[in-house]
């Protein structure tokens, strides 16, 4: 219904089925951070398809192999699913992902 009424703009930057999980709204700068499978997207709030920035952050290959050896599904479980997007200060965001069952965290500079 929203598409038919032109009430929304669908995000076209994800045709890979990236399993979006986490959102962080930065109203001050007019941005939306989106955590997904192996990716973090930085979107413009006015037009989510304009100037899309994307960080590719996969789990380490050895962690993915260990995950698969443990009997987990390679496509739905053995990846770095971004779970935490938290403002740290005016210039950085704290991010954490599952890391194929070996969690990892870091900071993203938004500048």
N, C-alpha and C. Protein backbone atom coordinates (compact mmCIF):
# COMPACT_ATOMS: atom_id res chain seq x y z
N UNK A 1 0.82 -1.20 0.00
CA UNK A 1 0.00 0.00 0.00
C UNK A 1 0.86 1.26 0.00
N UNK A 2 1.95 1.25 0.80
CA UNK A 2 2.81 2.42 0.85
C UNK A 2 3.46 2.70 -0.50
N UNK A 3 3.89 1.65 -1.18
CA UNK A 3 4.51 1.83 -2.50
C UNK A 3 3.50 2.37 -3.50
N UNK A 4 2.30 1.84 -3.46
CA UNK A 4 1.27 2.28 -4.41
C UNK A 4 0.87 3.73 -4.18
N UNK A 5 0.92 4.19 -2.96
CA UNK A 5 0.52 5.57 -2.65
C UNK A 5 1.69 6.54 -2.70
N UNK A 6 2.88 6.04 -3.09
CA UNK A 6 4.10 6.86 -3.13
C UNK A 6 4.40 7.51 -1.79
N UNK A 7 4.12 6.80 -0.71
CA UNK A 7 4.36 7.30 0.64
C UNK A 7 5.69 6.86 1.21
N UNK A 8 6.47 6.13 0.43
CA UNK A 8 7.75 5.67 0.94
C UNK A 8 8.76 5.55 -0.20
N UNK A 9 10.02 5.51 0.18
CA UNK A 9 11.10 5.29 -0.77
C UNK A 9 11.80 4.01 -0.33
N UNK A 10 11.67 2.93 -1.09
CA UNK A 10 12.33 1.68 -0.69
C UNK A 10 13.84 1.78 -0.84
N UNK A 11 14.56 1.15 0.07
CA UNK A 11 16.02 1.11 0.01
C UNK A 11 16.43 0.09 -1.03
N UNK A 12 17.12 0.55 -2.08
CA UNK A 12 17.49 -0.31 -3.20
C UNK A 12 18.91 -0.87 -3.07
N UNK A 13 19.63 -0.47 -2.04
CA UNK A 13 21.03 -0.86 -1.93
C UNK A 13 21.27 -2.27 -1.43
N UNK A 14 20.24 -3.02 -1.19
CA UNK A 14 20.42 -4.35 -0.63
C UNK A 14 19.64 -5.39 -1.41
N UNK A 15 20.22 -5.88 -2.45
CA UNK A 15 19.57 -6.96 -3.20
C UNK A 15 20.11 -8.32 -2.77
N UNK A 16 21.09 -8.32 -1.86
CA UNK A 16 21.71 -9.58 -1.43
C UNK A 16 20.96 -10.26 -0.29
N UNK A 17 19.90 -9.68 0.22
CA UNK A 17 19.20 -10.25 1.36
C UNK A 17 20.08 -10.23 2.59
N UNK A 18 20.41 -9.05 3.06
CA UNK A 18 21.43 -8.90 4.09
C UNK A 18 20.93 -9.03 5.52
N UNK A 19 19.68 -9.34 5.73
CA UNK A 19 19.17 -9.60 7.07
C UNK A 19 19.39 -8.42 8.02
N UNK A 20 18.69 -7.33 7.78
CA UNK A 20 18.82 -6.14 8.61
C UNK A 20 18.35 -6.41 10.03
N UNK A 21 19.12 -5.98 11.01
CA UNK A 21 18.81 -6.28 12.40
C UNK A 21 18.81 -5.06 13.32
N UNK A 22 19.69 -4.11 13.06
CA UNK A 22 19.93 -3.04 14.02
C UNK A 22 19.87 -1.69 13.32
N UNK A 23 19.24 -0.71 13.97
CA UNK A 23 19.13 0.63 13.43
C UNK A 23 19.61 1.65 14.45
N UNK A 24 20.21 2.73 13.96
CA UNK A 24 20.56 3.85 14.82
C UNK A 24 20.25 5.13 14.07
N UNK A 25 19.35 5.92 14.62
CA UNK A 25 18.94 7.18 14.00
C UNK A 25 19.83 8.31 14.49
N UNK A 26 20.41 9.06 13.56
CA UNK A 26 21.21 10.24 13.86
C UNK A 26 20.49 11.44 13.28
N UNK A 27 19.49 11.92 14.02
CA UNK A 27 18.66 13.03 13.52
C UNK A 27 19.47 14.30 13.32
N UNK A 28 20.45 14.54 14.18
CA UNK A 28 21.25 15.75 14.11
C UNK A 28 21.94 15.90 12.75
N UNK A 29 22.41 14.78 12.20
CA UNK A 29 23.11 14.81 10.91
C UNK A 29 22.24 14.29 9.76
N UNK A 30 21.00 13.91 10.06
CA UNK A 30 20.09 13.43 9.02
C UNK A 30 20.50 12.10 8.44
N UNK A 31 20.95 11.17 9.30
CA UNK A 31 21.43 9.87 8.83
C UNK A 31 20.79 8.72 9.60
N UNK A 32 20.81 7.58 8.96
CA UNK A 32 20.35 6.35 9.58
C UNK A 32 21.44 5.31 9.38
N UNK A 33 21.90 4.71 10.47
CA UNK A 33 22.85 3.61 10.38
C UNK A 33 22.07 2.32 10.49
N UNK A 34 22.39 1.38 9.63
CA UNK A 34 21.68 0.11 9.58
C UNK A 34 22.70 -1.02 9.68
N UNK A 35 22.52 -1.89 10.66
CA UNK A 35 23.37 -3.06 10.81
C UNK A 35 22.73 -4.25 10.13
N UNK A 36 23.53 -5.01 9.40
CA UNK A 36 23.02 -6.13 8.62
C UNK A 36 24.03 -7.28 8.69
N UNK A 37 23.83 -8.26 7.86
CA UNK A 37 24.74 -9.39 7.76
C UNK A 37 26.01 -8.92 7.05
N UNK A 38 27.12 -8.89 7.76
CA UNK A 38 28.44 -8.52 7.22
C UNK A 38 28.55 -7.08 6.72
N UNK A 39 27.56 -6.23 6.98
CA UNK A 39 27.58 -4.86 6.47
C UNK A 39 27.01 -3.87 7.48
N UNK A 40 27.50 -2.63 7.37
CA UNK A 40 26.91 -1.49 8.07
C UNK A 40 26.65 -0.44 7.00
N UNK A 41 25.42 0.04 6.94
CA UNK A 41 25.03 1.05 5.96
C UNK A 41 24.84 2.39 6.66
N UNK A 42 25.24 3.46 5.99
CA UNK A 42 24.99 4.82 6.44
C UNK A 42 24.12 5.47 5.38
N UNK A 43 22.87 5.75 5.74
CA UNK A 43 21.87 6.23 4.78
C UNK A 43 21.47 7.67 5.08
N UNK A 44 21.08 8.39 4.03
CA UNK A 44 20.56 9.75 4.12
C UNK A 44 19.07 9.65 4.46
N UNK A 45 18.62 10.39 5.46
CA UNK A 45 17.20 10.31 5.87
C UNK A 45 16.24 10.88 4.83
N UNK A 46 16.69 11.82 4.03
CA UNK A 46 15.82 12.42 3.03
C UNK A 46 15.59 11.45 1.87
N UNK A 47 16.66 10.81 1.43
CA UNK A 47 16.57 9.82 0.34
C UNK A 47 17.55 8.70 0.66
N UNK A 48 17.02 7.57 1.11
CA UNK A 48 17.86 6.46 1.56
C UNK A 48 18.73 5.86 0.45
N UNK A 49 18.46 6.19 -0.79
CA UNK A 49 19.24 5.67 -1.91
C UNK A 49 20.29 6.66 -2.43
N UNK A 50 20.38 7.81 -1.80
CA UNK A 50 21.32 8.85 -2.23
C UNK A 50 22.59 8.78 -1.38
N UNK A 51 23.74 8.71 -2.04
CA UNK A 51 25.04 8.69 -1.35
C UNK A 51 25.12 7.63 -0.26
N UNK A 52 24.70 6.42 -0.55
CA UNK A 52 24.75 5.33 0.41
C UNK A 52 26.21 4.96 0.66
N UNK A 53 26.56 4.91 1.93
CA UNK A 53 27.89 4.46 2.31
C UNK A 53 27.74 3.09 2.95
N UNK A 54 28.69 2.20 2.66
CA UNK A 54 28.58 0.83 3.13
C UNK A 54 29.94 0.36 3.62
N UNK A 55 29.95 -0.26 4.79
CA UNK A 55 31.16 -0.87 5.32
C UNK A 55 30.96 -2.38 5.29
N UNK A 56 31.88 -3.07 4.65
CA UNK A 56 31.84 -4.53 4.62
C UNK A 56 32.69 -5.03 5.79
N UNK A 57 32.05 -5.76 6.72
CA UNK A 57 32.72 -6.22 7.93
C UNK A 57 32.37 -7.69 8.18
N UNK A 58 32.97 -8.60 7.43
CA UNK A 58 32.65 -10.02 7.60
C UNK A 58 33.39 -10.61 8.80
N UNK A 59 32.95 -11.77 9.22
CA UNK A 59 33.67 -12.53 10.25
C UNK A 59 34.95 -13.08 9.62
N UNK A 60 35.95 -13.32 10.44
CA UNK A 60 37.21 -13.89 9.95
C UNK A 60 36.94 -15.27 9.35
N UNK A 61 37.65 -15.58 8.27
CA UNK A 61 37.42 -16.85 7.57
C UNK A 61 37.60 -18.06 8.48
N UNK A 62 38.58 -18.02 9.37
CA UNK A 62 38.79 -19.16 10.27
C UNK A 62 37.64 -19.32 11.26
N UNK A 63 37.02 -18.19 11.67
CA UNK A 63 35.86 -18.26 12.56
C UNK A 63 34.64 -18.83 11.82
N UNK A 64 34.49 -18.47 10.55
CA UNK A 64 33.39 -19.01 9.75
C UNK A 64 33.57 -20.52 9.59
N UNK A 65 34.79 -20.97 9.34
CA UNK A 65 35.06 -22.41 9.21
C UNK A 65 34.77 -23.15 10.50
N UNK A 66 35.18 -22.59 11.64
CA UNK A 66 34.88 -23.21 12.94
C UNK A 66 33.38 -23.29 13.18
N UNK A 67 32.68 -22.26 12.79
CA UNK A 67 31.23 -22.22 12.92
C UNK A 67 30.58 -23.34 12.11
N UNK A 68 31.04 -23.51 10.87
CA UNK A 68 30.49 -24.56 10.02
C UNK A 68 30.82 -25.95 10.56
N UNK A 69 32.04 -26.11 11.09
CA UNK A 69 32.43 -27.39 11.69
C UNK A 69 31.58 -27.73 12.91
N UNK A 70 31.08 -26.71 13.57
CA UNK A 70 30.22 -26.91 14.74
C UNK A 70 28.79 -27.27 14.35
N UNK A 71 28.55 -27.36 13.03
CA UNK A 71 27.22 -27.78 12.57
C UNK A 71 26.25 -26.64 12.30
N UNK A 72 26.74 -25.42 12.34
CA UNK A 72 25.87 -24.27 12.09
C UNK A 72 25.70 -24.07 10.58
N UNK A 73 24.62 -23.42 10.20
CA UNK A 73 24.35 -23.14 8.79
C UNK A 73 25.24 -22.00 8.29
N UNK A 74 25.96 -22.25 7.21
CA UNK A 74 26.93 -21.29 6.69
C UNK A 74 26.28 -19.97 6.25
N UNK A 75 25.04 -19.99 5.78
CA UNK A 75 24.40 -18.79 5.25
C UNK A 75 23.59 -18.02 6.29
N UNK A 76 23.05 -18.72 7.26
CA UNK A 76 22.17 -18.04 8.21
C UNK A 76 22.76 -17.86 9.60
N UNK A 77 23.90 -18.49 9.88
CA UNK A 77 24.47 -18.38 11.22
C UNK A 77 25.95 -18.02 11.25
N UNK A 78 26.70 -18.40 10.23
CA UNK A 78 28.16 -18.22 10.24
C UNK A 78 28.57 -16.97 9.48
N UNK A 79 28.19 -15.83 10.05
CA UNK A 79 28.53 -14.54 9.46
C UNK A 79 28.70 -13.55 10.60
N UNK A 80 28.96 -12.32 10.28
CA UNK A 80 29.04 -11.26 11.28
C UNK A 80 27.75 -10.44 11.22
N UNK A 81 26.78 -10.84 12.01
CA UNK A 81 25.51 -10.12 12.07
C UNK A 81 25.68 -8.95 13.04
N UNK A 82 25.51 -7.73 12.54
CA UNK A 82 25.70 -6.53 13.36
C UNK A 82 24.52 -6.43 14.33
N UNK A 83 24.83 -6.40 15.63
CA UNK A 83 23.80 -6.39 16.66
C UNK A 83 23.75 -5.10 17.48
N UNK A 84 24.87 -4.37 17.53
CA UNK A 84 24.92 -3.15 18.35
C UNK A 84 25.42 -1.99 17.50
N UNK A 85 24.67 -0.91 17.50
CA UNK A 85 25.07 0.38 16.95
C UNK A 85 24.74 1.40 18.03
N UNK A 86 25.75 1.92 18.69
CA UNK A 86 25.54 2.79 19.84
C UNK A 86 26.39 4.05 19.71
N UNK A 87 25.77 5.24 19.84
CA UNK A 87 26.58 6.45 19.79
C UNK A 87 27.64 6.41 20.90
N UNK A 88 28.88 6.74 20.54
CA UNK A 88 29.96 6.77 21.53
C UNK A 88 30.27 8.22 21.92
N UNK A 89 30.48 9.04 20.91
CA UNK A 89 30.66 10.48 21.12
C UNK A 89 30.21 11.19 19.84
N UNK A 90 30.56 12.44 19.66
CA UNK A 90 30.08 13.19 18.48
C UNK A 90 30.67 12.68 17.18
N UNK A 91 31.76 11.94 17.23
CA UNK A 91 32.44 11.53 16.00
C UNK A 91 32.47 10.02 15.77
N UNK A 92 32.12 9.24 16.78
CA UNK A 92 32.25 7.79 16.66
C UNK A 92 31.00 7.04 17.11
N UNK A 93 30.83 5.86 16.54
CA UNK A 93 29.76 4.94 16.92
C UNK A 93 30.42 3.62 17.34
N UNK A 94 29.94 3.07 18.42
CA UNK A 94 30.42 1.77 18.90
C UNK A 94 29.59 0.69 18.21
N UNK A 95 30.24 -0.30 17.60
CA UNK A 95 29.55 -1.35 16.84
C UNK A 95 30.02 -2.72 17.31
N UNK A 96 29.07 -3.66 17.38
CA UNK A 96 29.41 -5.04 17.71
C UNK A 96 28.66 -5.98 16.77
N UNK A 97 29.33 -7.07 16.44
CA UNK A 97 28.73 -8.09 15.59
C UNK A 97 28.97 -9.47 16.18
N UNK A 98 28.26 -10.45 15.66
CA UNK A 98 28.34 -11.81 16.19
C UNK A 98 29.64 -12.51 15.81
N UNK A 99 30.27 -12.12 14.70
CA UNK A 99 31.55 -12.69 14.31
C UNK A 99 31.55 -14.19 14.15
N UNK A 100 30.46 -14.78 13.63
CA UNK A 100 30.33 -16.23 13.47
C UNK A 100 30.55 -16.94 14.82
N UNK A 101 29.81 -16.48 15.83
CA UNK A 101 29.85 -17.02 17.19
C UNK A 101 31.16 -16.70 17.91
N UNK A 102 31.88 -15.66 17.45
CA UNK A 102 33.06 -15.12 18.12
C UNK A 102 32.92 -13.60 18.08
N UNK A 103 32.11 -13.04 18.99
CA UNK A 103 31.75 -11.62 18.93
C UNK A 103 32.95 -10.69 18.83
N UNK A 104 32.74 -9.61 18.06
CA UNK A 104 33.77 -8.60 17.92
C UNK A 104 33.12 -7.22 17.90
N UNK A 105 33.87 -6.24 18.43
CA UNK A 105 33.36 -4.88 18.51
C UNK A 105 34.43 -3.91 18.01
N UNK A 106 33.99 -2.72 17.68
CA UNK A 106 34.91 -1.68 17.23
C UNK A 106 34.22 -0.35 17.17
N UNK A 107 34.94 0.65 16.69
CA UNK A 107 34.43 2.00 16.58
C UNK A 107 34.44 2.43 15.12
N UNK A 108 33.41 3.15 14.71
CA UNK A 108 33.34 3.72 13.38
C UNK A 108 33.43 5.23 13.52
N UNK A 109 34.35 5.83 12.78
CA UNK A 109 34.43 7.28 12.75
C UNK A 109 33.44 7.80 11.71
N UNK A 110 32.56 8.68 12.11
CA UNK A 110 31.50 9.15 11.22
C UNK A 110 31.89 10.34 10.36
N UNK A 111 33.03 10.96 10.65
CA UNK A 111 33.45 12.17 9.93
C UNK A 111 33.33 12.14 8.48
